Amino acid sequence: MMPKPAPHVPCNEIAGEVIEVGPDVTNFKVGDKVFGTCFTGGLSTEALCRQDDLYKIPDGVDPNLVAGMEVNYGTTYHALVDVAEMKEGETLLVLGASGGVGMAAIDLGKALGCTVIACASTQAKLEACKAAGADVLINYTKGSLKTLLKEAGVYGSIDVVYDPVGGDFSEPAIRALAFGGRFIVIGFAAGGDTPKNAIANVPLNLALLNERKIVGCLWGAWKMRNPEKNRENTEKMLMLVQQEKLKPVVSKTYNFDNYRDAFEDMMTRKVVGKVIIQPEGAGTSKL
């Protein structure tokens, strides 16, 4: 959605140790362990970051656990809490549940006290979703999503749909919402040969029927407009990590020299949750 011209340094989520600060930096000092985003590119042994995009890593928290947390969990917290206004006891349907944002949605959904329905394409991925806390598992390669949700006894009783996938799954997921249900558009990971294949065309009468709401979540743009609220959200999530109520899933850690393997595994959909690329011999990279 936001392509960068070549050449550029890929990846924008990092964790590391501060080695130098500018004259206007007041929140951090040399030696601080931090994580966050780095839009100049994070796939490097050193990176230049804005202090507003970083957070201190609490004592006792594994840097690898939070290195890939800011975007996925920031997006998902904003989607579920700010946009969907999810409440304890509601039911959440997560499409593409084994991916980075999908696993974050399972984790946060359970932390919010919700019932979570996880949809994924293989049994192995569904087992990972179950380990993350999902209550109901749907393998959407086994039939139509509508039929599978009916067989699971959840069709028509779903309060929120979290959709980072798009494509053919969006419309049946909207139809499965309860009265007043909220459908949150996160992205279009399904892809396609044309935009028509990737982005679902949804009949607007589905919003009218049962007063369903179809709402977009563009976290990056929201964060730029609401930096203080975003920091508040992230600090709340950090507390949940410290309390072990949130447990970000790291699929695998790769040596810096093997970064291509990490991209290959992501492209071939072998990844569950997030991957970490780590500099040789370093617990954290340098900032």
Protein backbone atom coordinates (compact mmCIF):
# COMPACT_ATOMS: atom_id res chain seq x y z
CA MET A 1 0.00 0.00 0.00
CA MET A 2 2.97 2.32 0.61
CA PRO A 3 5.74 1.31 -1.83
CA LYS A 4 9.13 2.98 -1.48
CA PRO A 5 11.45 3.80 -4.38
CA ALA A 6 14.65 1.76 -4.61
CA PRO A 7 17.20 1.74 -3.16
CA HIS A 8 15.90 1.70 0.40
CA VAL A 9 16.44 -0.14 3.69
CA PRO A 10 13.47 -2.45 4.34
CA CYS A 11 11.63 -3.15 7.60
CA ASN A 12 10.47 -0.53 10.07
CA GLU A 13 10.07 -2.33 13.40
CA ILE A 14 13.12 -2.49 15.63
CA ALA A 15 14.47 -3.15 19.10
CA GLY A 16 17.92 -2.09 20.20
CA GLU A 17 20.23 -0.09 22.43
CA VAL A 18 20.68 3.67 22.16
CA ILE A 19 24.30 4.56 21.29
CA GLU A 20 23.89 8.27 20.56
CA VAL A 21 21.25 10.97 21.06
CA GLY A 22 20.74 14.34 19.41
CA PRO A 23 20.73 17.65 21.32
CA ASP A 24 16.92 17.83 21.40
CA VAL A 25 16.35 14.29 22.69
CA THR A 26 14.91 14.35 26.20
CA ASN A 27 13.20 10.97 26.59
CA PHE A 28 16.19 8.66 26.13
CA LYS A 29 19.87 8.38 26.99
CA VAL A 30 22.78 6.29 25.77
CA GLY A 31 22.41 2.70 26.96
CA ASP A 32 18.60 2.65 27.07
CA LYS A 33 16.97 -0.46 25.62
CA VAL A 34 14.18 0.62 23.28
CA PHE A 35 11.75 -0.64 20.64
CA GLY A 36 9.44 0.98 18.13
CA THR A 37 9.36 2.03 14.50
CA CYS A 38 12.08 3.36 12.25
CA PHE A 39 10.84 4.64 8.91
CA THR A 40 14.35 5.20 7.56
CA GLY A 41 14.68 1.39 7.56
CA GLY A 42 15.33 -1.04 10.36
CA LEU A 43 17.11 -3.93 8.63
CA SER A 44 20.56 -2.71 9.67
CA THR A 45 23.03 -2.89 12.54
CA GLU A 46 22.48 0.81 13.30
CA ALA A 47 19.41 2.94 12.67
CA LEU A 48 18.32 6.56 12.92
CA CYS A 49 15.00 6.96 14.75
CA ARG A 50 12.78 9.74 16.06
CA GLN A 51 12.33 9.72 19.83
CA ASP A 52 8.55 10.00 19.36
CA ASP A 53 8.56 6.60 17.63
CA LEU A 54 10.41 4.74 20.41
CA TYR A 55 9.52 3.21 23.79
CA LYS A 56 11.70 1.96 26.62
CA ILE A 57 11.78 -1.81 27.02
CA PRO A 58 10.77 -2.62 30.62
CA ASP A 59 13.24 -4.56 32.76
CA GLY A 60 12.76 -8.29 32.38
CA VAL A 61 11.04 -8.09 28.98
CA ASP A 62 12.75 -9.93 26.11
CA PRO A 63 13.62 -7.41 23.34
CA ASN A 64 12.72 -10.02 20.72
CA LEU A 65 9.22 -10.18 22.19
CA VAL A 66 8.52 -6.50 21.55
CA ALA A 67 10.72 -5.92 18.48
CA GLY A 68 7.85 -6.67 16.13
CA MET A 69 5.04 -5.44 18.36
CA GLU A 70 4.53 -1.77 17.52
CA VAL A 71 2.84 -2.03 14.10
CA ASN A 72 0.82 -5.23 14.49
CA TYR A 73 -0.29 -4.64 18.05
CA GLY A 74 -0.66 -0.89 17.54
CA THR A 75 -2.91 -1.52 14.54
CA THR A 76 -4.91 -4.17 16.33
CA TYR A 77 -5.37 -2.31 19.61
CA HIS A 78 -6.57 0.76 17.70
CA ALA A 79 -8.89 -1.42 15.59
CA LEU A 80 -10.48 -3.34 18.46
CA VAL A 81 -10.53 -0.70 21.20
CA ASP A 82 -10.78 2.67 19.44
CA VAL A 83 -12.58 1.76 16.20
CA ALA A 84 -14.71 -1.28 17.07
CA GLU A 85 -15.11 -0.38 20.76
CA MET A 86 -15.07 -4.06 21.70
CA LYS A 87 -16.47 -4.98 25.07
CA GLU A 88 -15.83 -7.90 27.39
CA GLY A 89 -18.02 -10.86 26.50
CA GLU A 90 -18.33 -10.04 22.79
CA THR A 91 -17.35 -12.39 19.96
CA LEU A 92 -14.49 -11.61 17.56
CA LEU A 93 -13.92 -13.28 14.18
CA VAL A 94 -10.32 -13.04 12.94
CA LEU A 95 -9.56 -13.74 9.28
CA GLY A 96 -5.96 -14.62 8.41
CA ALA A 97 -5.55 -15.41 12.08
CA SER A 98 -2.08 -16.98 11.90
CA GLY A 99 -0.39 -13.91 10.40
CA GLY A 100 1.23 -11.08 12.32
CA VAL A 101 -1.85 -8.90 12.81
CA GLY A 102 -4.06 -11.98 13.09
CA MET A 103 -2.13 -13.41 16.02
CA ALA A 104 -2.14 -9.96 17.62
CA ALA A 105 -5.94 -9.89 17.24
CA ILE A 106 -6.26 -13.26 18.99
CA ASP A 107 -3.95 -12.13 21.79
CA LEU A 108 -5.66 -8.78 22.32
CA GLY A 109 -9.14 -10.23 21.89
CA LYS A 110 -8.54 -12.67 24.73
CA ALA A 111 -6.96 -9.94 26.88
CA LEU A 112 -10.16 -7.92 26.38
CA GLY A 113 -12.25 -10.85 27.60
CA CYS A 114 -13.77 -11.78 24.25
CA THR A 115 -14.55 -15.09 22.55
CA VAL A 116 -12.21 -15.43 19.56
CA ILE A 117 -12.94 -17.34 16.34
CA ALA A 118 -9.74 -17.90 14.33
CA CYS A 119 -9.76 -18.60 10.58
CA ALA A 120 -6.66 -19.95 8.84
CA SER A 121 -5.73 -22.15 5.88
CA THR A 122 -3.98 -25.16 7.47
CA GLN A 123 -4.35 -27.31 10.55
CA ALA A 124 -0.84 -26.41 11.69
CA LYS A 125 -1.67 -22.70 11.58
CA LEU A 126 -4.91 -23.33 13.47
CA GLU A 127 -3.00 -25.20 16.16
CA ALA A 128 -0.82 -22.11 16.58
CA CYS A 129 -3.99 -20.02 16.87
CA LYS A 130 -5.32 -22.39 19.51
CA ALA A 131 -2.06 -22.10 21.46
CA ALA A 132 -2.46 -18.31 21.30
CA GLY A 133 -5.88 -18.61 22.92
CA ALA A 134 -8.45 -18.91 20.11
CA ASP A 135 -11.72 -20.51 21.23
CA VAL A 136 -13.12 -21.63 17.86
CA LEU A 137 -11.01 -22.79 14.89
CA ILE A 138 -12.12 -22.52 11.24
CA ASN A 139 -10.13 -23.99 8.34
CA TYR A 140 -11.55 -22.06 5.44
CA THR A 141 -10.09 -24.41 2.86
CA LYS A 142 -12.63 -27.05 3.97
CA GLY A 143 -15.70 -25.37 2.48
CA SER A 144 -17.50 -22.06 2.19
CA LEU A 145 -16.93 -19.69 5.09
CA LYS A 146 -20.69 -19.30 5.54
CA THR A 147 -21.19 -23.06 5.88
CA LEU A 148 -18.21 -23.48 8.21
CA LEU A 149 -19.39 -20.69 10.52
CA LYS A 150 -22.88 -22.19 10.60
CA GLU A 151 -21.49 -25.62 11.44
CA ALA A 152 -19.49 -24.03 14.28
CA GLY A 153 -22.69 -22.46 15.61
CA VAL A 154 -21.42 -18.88 15.42
CA TYR A 155 -23.07 -17.56 12.25
CA GLY A 156 -25.15 -14.48 13.06
CA SER A 157 -23.72 -14.06 16.57
CA ILE A 158 -20.39 -12.39 15.73
CA ASP A 159 -19.92 -8.87 17.09
CA VAL A 160 -16.70 -7.84 15.34
CA VAL A 161 -14.91 -9.09 12.21
CA TYR A 162 -11.19 -8.28 11.95
CA ASP A 163 -10.26 -8.59 8.26
CA PRO A 164 -6.65 -8.23 7.06
CA VAL A 165 -7.33 -10.61 4.15
CA GLY A 166 -10.03 -9.20 1.85
CA GLY A 167 -10.95 -11.07 -1.31
CA ASP A 168 -13.66 -13.72 -1.22
CA PHE A 169 -13.86 -13.95 2.58
CA SER A 170 -15.08 -10.42 3.30
CA GLU A 171 -18.70 -10.66 2.19
CA PRO A 172 -19.60 -13.91 3.99
CA ALA A 173 -17.90 -12.57 7.11
CA ILE A 174 -20.05 -9.43 7.00
CA ARG A 175 -23.17 -11.55 6.55
CA ALA A 176 -22.23 -13.52 9.68
CA LEU A 177 -22.33 -10.42 11.89
CA ALA A 178 -24.95 -9.99 14.58
CA PHE A 179 -27.25 -6.95 14.77
CA GLY A 180 -25.04 -3.90 15.25
CA GLY A 181 -21.93 -5.86 14.33
CA ARG A 182 -18.75 -4.10 13.23
CA PHE A 183 -16.60 -5.12 10.26
CA ILE A 184 -13.07 -3.68 10.50
CA VAL A 185 -11.08 -3.39 7.25
CA ILE A 186 -7.39 -3.93 8.05
CA GLY A 187 -5.87 -4.87 4.68
CA PHE A 188 -5.96 -7.06 1.59
CA ALA A 189 -3.43 -9.86 2.11
CA ALA A 190 -5.34 -12.16 -0.25
CA GLY A 191 -3.82 -10.24 -3.13
CA GLY A 192 -4.93 -10.95 -6.66
CA ASP A 193 -4.06 -10.37 -10.29
CA THR A 194 -6.11 -7.17 -10.32
CA PRO A 195 -7.43 -4.81 -7.62
CA LYS A 196 -10.86 -6.31 -8.27
CA ASN A 197 -9.61 -9.72 -7.14
CA ALA A 198 -7.92 -8.40 -4.01
CA ILE A 199 -10.45 -5.85 -2.81
CA ALA A 200 -13.93 -7.13 -2.11
CA ASN A 201 -16.96 -5.48 -3.69
CA VAL A 202 -19.50 -5.54 -0.89
CA PRO A 203 -23.23 -4.78 -1.41
CA LEU A 204 -24.02 -1.77 0.78
CA ASN A 205 -27.36 -3.23 1.76
CA LEU A 206 -25.37 -5.52 4.07
CA ALA A 207 -24.59 -2.46 6.17
CA LEU A 208 -28.26 -1.48 6.25
CA LEU A 209 -29.43 -4.95 7.23
CA ASN A 210 -28.97 -5.47 10.97
CA GLU A 211 -27.32 -2.02 11.24
CA ARG A 212 -23.87 -3.39 10.55
CA LYS A 213 -20.93 -1.00 10.46
CA ILE A 214 -18.09 -1.27 7.93
CA VAL A 215 -15.13 0.77 9.18
CA GLY A 216 -11.54 1.15 8.01
CA CYS A 217 -8.51 1.09 10.29
CA LEU A 218 -5.47 2.96 8.93
CA TRP A 219 -3.27 2.93 12.01
CA GLY A 220 -0.25 4.70 10.53
CA ALA A 221 -2.26 7.75 9.46
CA TRP A 222 -4.20 7.74 12.75
CA LYS A 223 -0.94 7.54 14.73
CA MET A 224 0.43 10.62 12.97
CA ARG A 225 -2.72 12.56 13.88
CA ASN A 226 -2.98 11.19 17.42
CA PRO A 227 0.57 10.58 18.71
CA GLU A 228 -0.31 11.01 22.39
CA LYS A 229 -3.24 8.58 22.22
CA ASN A 230 -1.10 6.07 20.32
CA ARG A 231 1.62 6.28 22.99
CA GLU A 232 -1.04 5.75 25.65
CA ASN A 233 -2.25 2.65 23.79
CA THR A 234 1.27 1.25 23.54
CA GLU A 235 2.02 1.88 27.21
CA LYS A 236 -1.16 -0.01 28.13
CA MET A 237 -0.06 -2.94 25.99
CA LEU A 238 3.41 -2.92 27.56
CA MET A 239 1.78 -3.27 30.97
CA LEU A 240 -0.16 -6.27 29.67
CA VAL A 241 3.08 -7.80 28.35
CA GLN A 242 4.71 -7.34 31.76
CA GLN A 243 1.68 -8.97 33.39
CA GLU A 244 1.93 -11.82 30.82
CA LYS A 245 -1.61 -11.07 29.66
CA LEU A 246 -0.21 -10.39 26.18
CA LYS A 247 2.27 -12.80 24.61
CA PRO A 248 3.42 -11.73 21.11
CA VAL A 249 4.26 -14.76 18.97
CA VAL A 250 7.70 -14.91 17.32
CA SER A 251 7.78 -17.60 14.65
CA LYS A 252 11.55 -17.71 14.19
CA THR A 253 14.71 -15.67 14.72
CA TYR A 254 17.07 -15.36 11.73
CA ASN A 255 20.73 -14.41 11.63
CA PHE A 256 21.32 -11.11 9.84
CA ASP A 257 23.18 -12.88 7.02
CA ASN A 258 20.12 -15.07 6.40
CA TYR A 259 17.60 -12.25 6.06
CA ARG A 260 16.57 -13.56 2.62
CA ASP A 261 15.29 -16.74 4.26
CA ALA A 262 13.00 -14.66 6.46
CA PHE A 263 11.48 -12.91 3.44
CA GLU A 264 11.15 -16.21 1.58
CA ASP A 265 9.32 -17.80 4.50
CA MET A 266 6.94 -14.84 4.69
CA MET A 267 6.28 -14.89 0.95
CA THR A 268 5.52 -18.63 1.02
CA ARG A 269 3.21 -18.21 4.03
CA LYS A 270 5.31 -20.34 6.38
CA VAL A 271 5.35 -17.71 9.11
CA VAL A 272 3.08 -17.70 12.15
CA GLY A 273 3.08 -14.38 13.99
CA LYS A 274 6.28 -12.39 13.44
CA VAL A 275 9.90 -13.10 12.52
CA ILE A 276 13.01 -11.47 14.00
CA ILE A 277 16.19 -10.69 12.04
CA GLN A 278 19.07 -10.25 14.47
CA PRO A 279 22.59 -8.88 13.93
CA GLU A 280 25.41 -11.39 14.39
CA GLY A 281 26.40 -11.78 18.03
CA ALA A 282 24.03 -9.10 19.31
CA GLY A 283 21.08 -9.41 21.65
CA THR A 284 19.80 -6.15 20.19
CA SER A 285 20.79 -3.90 17.32
CA LYS A 286 22.27 -0.45 17.85
CA LEU A 287 20.35 2.81 17.49
